[in-house]
Protein backbone atom coordinates (compact mmCIF):
# COMPACT_ATOMS: atom_id res chain seq x y z
CA MET A 1 -22.01 -72.18 5.59
CA LEU A 2 -19.80 -75.13 6.48
CA LYS A 3 -17.59 -74.75 9.59
CA PHE A 4 -14.22 -76.57 9.63
CA LEU A 5 -12.04 -77.13 12.67
CA THR A 6 -8.52 -77.37 11.19
CA LEU A 7 -5.84 -78.82 13.41
CA VAL A 8 -2.51 -77.70 12.01
CA ASP A 9 1.09 -78.66 12.60
CA ALA A 10 1.81 -75.23 11.23
CA SER A 11 5.45 -76.01 10.54
CA VAL A 12 4.20 -77.82 7.43
CA TRP A 13 1.91 -75.06 6.14
CA SER A 14 2.26 -74.56 2.42
CA ASP A 15 0.53 -73.71 -0.82
CA ALA A 16 -0.33 -77.43 -1.13
CA VAL A 17 -2.41 -77.11 2.05
CA LEU A 18 -4.26 -74.14 0.64
CA ALA A 19 -4.95 -75.98 -2.58
CA ARG A 20 -6.30 -79.01 -0.71
CA LEU A 21 -8.50 -76.84 1.53
CA ASN A 22 -9.82 -75.16 -1.58
CA GLU A 23 -10.70 -78.61 -3.02
CA LEU A 24 -12.53 -79.60 0.16
CA SER A 25 -14.75 -76.56 0.35
CA THR A 26 -15.64 -73.17 -1.01
CA LYS A 27 -13.67 -70.12 0.06
CA SER A 28 -16.83 -68.87 1.79
CA ALA A 29 -16.69 -71.78 4.28
CA SER A 30 -15.63 -70.94 7.82
CA PHE A 31 -12.23 -72.25 8.97
CA HIS A 32 -11.02 -72.19 12.58
CA LEU A 33 -7.30 -72.97 12.66
CA LEU A 34 -6.07 -74.71 15.79
CA VAL A 35 -2.30 -74.75 16.38
CA PRO A 36 -1.23 -76.76 19.45
CA ALA A 37 1.55 -75.14 21.49
CA ARG A 38 3.67 -78.28 21.09
CA PRO A 39 7.17 -78.78 22.44
CA LEU A 40 9.84 -77.12 20.31
CA THR A 41 12.87 -78.58 18.68
CA GLU A 42 16.20 -77.20 19.80
CA GLY A 43 16.44 -75.10 16.66
CA GLU A 44 12.95 -73.68 17.15
CA LEU A 45 13.69 -72.86 20.75
CA ASP A 46 16.92 -71.06 19.79
CA TYR A 47 14.96 -69.04 17.21
CA VAL A 48 12.27 -68.05 19.71
CA GLU A 49 14.83 -67.07 22.31
CA THR A 50 16.85 -64.89 19.92
CA GLU A 51 14.20 -63.50 17.60
CA MET A 52 11.09 -63.29 19.74
CA LEU A 53 12.70 -62.11 22.97
CA VAL A 54 11.08 -64.63 25.28
CA THR A 55 12.45 -62.82 28.30
CA GLU A 56 10.15 -59.89 27.57
CA SER A 57 7.01 -61.96 27.19
CA ALA A 58 4.62 -63.61 29.66
CA GLU A 59 4.01 -66.38 27.13
CA SER A 60 6.05 -69.56 26.99
CA PRO A 61 8.36 -70.15 23.98
CA GLU A 62 5.91 -72.79 22.79
CA GLN A 63 3.01 -70.34 22.88
CA LEU A 64 5.04 -67.68 21.08
CA MET A 65 6.03 -70.05 18.28
CA ALA A 66 2.46 -71.36 17.94
CA ARG A 67 1.14 -67.74 17.80
CA TRP A 68 3.66 -66.89 15.07
CA ARG A 69 2.72 -70.03 13.05
CA LEU A 70 -0.97 -69.37 13.50
CA ARG A 71 -0.57 -65.80 12.28
CA ASP A 72 1.31 -66.95 9.18
CA ALA A 73 -1.28 -69.67 8.38
CA MET A 74 -4.20 -67.25 8.84
CA THR A 75 -2.55 -64.64 6.66
CA ALA A 76 -1.86 -67.22 3.94
CA MET A 77 -5.51 -68.29 3.94
CA GLU A 78 -6.77 -64.72 3.84
CA ASN A 79 -4.38 -63.84 1.01
CA ALA A 80 -5.62 -66.89 -0.88
CA GLY A 81 -9.16 -65.53 -0.71
CA PHE A 82 -10.65 -67.57 2.13
CA GLU A 83 -13.34 -65.32 3.62
CA SER A 84 -13.87 -66.54 7.15
CA VAL A 85 -10.72 -67.56 9.02
CA THR A 86 -10.27 -67.54 12.75
CA GLY A 87 -7.69 -69.25 14.89
CA ALA A 88 -6.48 -70.20 18.34
CA ILE A 89 -3.50 -71.65 20.15
CA GLY A 90 -4.42 -75.02 21.59
CA ASN A 91 -3.17 -77.38 24.26
CA ALA A 92 0.18 -79.02 23.46
CA HIS A 93 -1.56 -82.39 23.23
CA PRO A 94 -3.50 -82.43 19.90
CA MET A 95 -6.31 -84.66 21.19
CA THR A 96 -6.94 -82.36 24.15
CA ALA A 97 -6.81 -79.29 21.83
CA ILE A 98 -9.45 -80.93 19.56
CA ASP A 99 -11.66 -81.83 22.53
CA ASP A 100 -11.43 -78.24 23.93
CA ALA A 101 -12.27 -76.71 20.55
CA LEU A 102 -15.22 -79.03 19.88
CA GLU A 103 -16.56 -78.50 23.34
CA ALA A 104 -16.44 -74.70 22.89
CA GLU A 105 -18.15 -74.68 19.47
CA GLY A 106 -19.77 -76.95 16.97
CA TYR A 107 -18.11 -77.79 13.66
CA ASP A 108 -19.26 -79.70 10.55
CA ALA A 109 -15.95 -81.41 10.03
CA VAL A 110 -12.37 -81.72 11.32
CA ILE A 111 -9.31 -81.32 9.06
CA VAL A 112 -5.92 -82.51 10.33
CA VAL A 113 -2.87 -81.12 8.54
CA THR A 114 0.38 -83.03 9.12
CA GLY A 115 3.87 -83.42 7.69
CA PRO A 116 5.07 -86.73 6.34
CA LEU A 117 5.70 -89.87 8.39
CA GLY A 118 8.71 -89.48 10.70
CA PRO A 119 9.79 -90.64 14.15
CA ALA A 120 8.12 -87.74 16.00
CA SER A 121 5.40 -86.84 13.54
CA TRP A 122 1.67 -86.78 14.21
CA VAL A 123 1.40 -89.42 11.49
CA SER A 124 3.70 -91.86 13.33
CA LEU A 125 1.58 -91.29 16.45
CA ASP A 126 -1.49 -92.29 14.33
CA LEU A 127 -3.09 -89.01 15.27
CA PRO A 128 -5.40 -88.73 12.22
CA SER A 129 -6.85 -92.21 12.83
CA ARG A 130 -7.15 -91.60 16.56
CA ILE A 131 -9.08 -88.39 15.94
CA LYS A 132 -11.40 -90.19 13.47
CA ARG A 133 -12.22 -92.76 16.17
CA HIS A 134 -12.59 -90.12 18.83
CA VAL A 135 -14.93 -87.49 17.30
CA GLU A 136 -18.37 -87.69 15.69
CA GLU A 137 -17.54 -85.19 13.01
CA PRO A 138 -16.07 -86.37 9.67
CA VAL A 139 -12.25 -86.11 9.67
CA THR A 140 -10.04 -85.38 6.64
CA HIS A 141 -6.31 -85.84 6.82
CA ILE A 142 -4.01 -83.66 4.67
CA GLU A 143 -0.45 -84.97 4.64
CA VAL A 144 2.02 -82.46 3.23
CA GLN A 145 4.96 -83.96 1.40
CA PRO A 146 8.33 -82.19 1.39
CA ALA A 147 9.12 -80.29 -1.81
CA GLY A 148 10.10 -82.60 -4.59
CA GLN A 149 8.34 -85.71 -3.26
CA ARG A 150 5.09 -87.15 -4.54
CA HIS A 151 2.56 -89.52 -2.92
């Protein structure tokens, strides 16, 4: 069974991601979703503080949001019929998160899911190319376009 490490900017998770993952492998492959506990936008922070009651949690707002996003992505994959889905919250720095995950366990390939190019996006930071140069495993980049846009 193929094992995929899937680095996800979970704010872009969509049916398009599920379709692309399905194209890349069989649903019986193993997927480990890795969601970095990245810094939050002001709107995300407001949401966490009001809806997730940060004051009652030992986790940081970034960890709480990442955990919520991870749960949603894992549920979407399981509902789509993927059989083996695990996940973890990673370091806020995606390269460190990847290194930590690859050190802990071996994977056949790495998948990087990003949103479109933007001033603060992983694409503008050249993250997919940096990961390709940094790891031995094959790397696939899935760039999710906003609704209504095509490549």
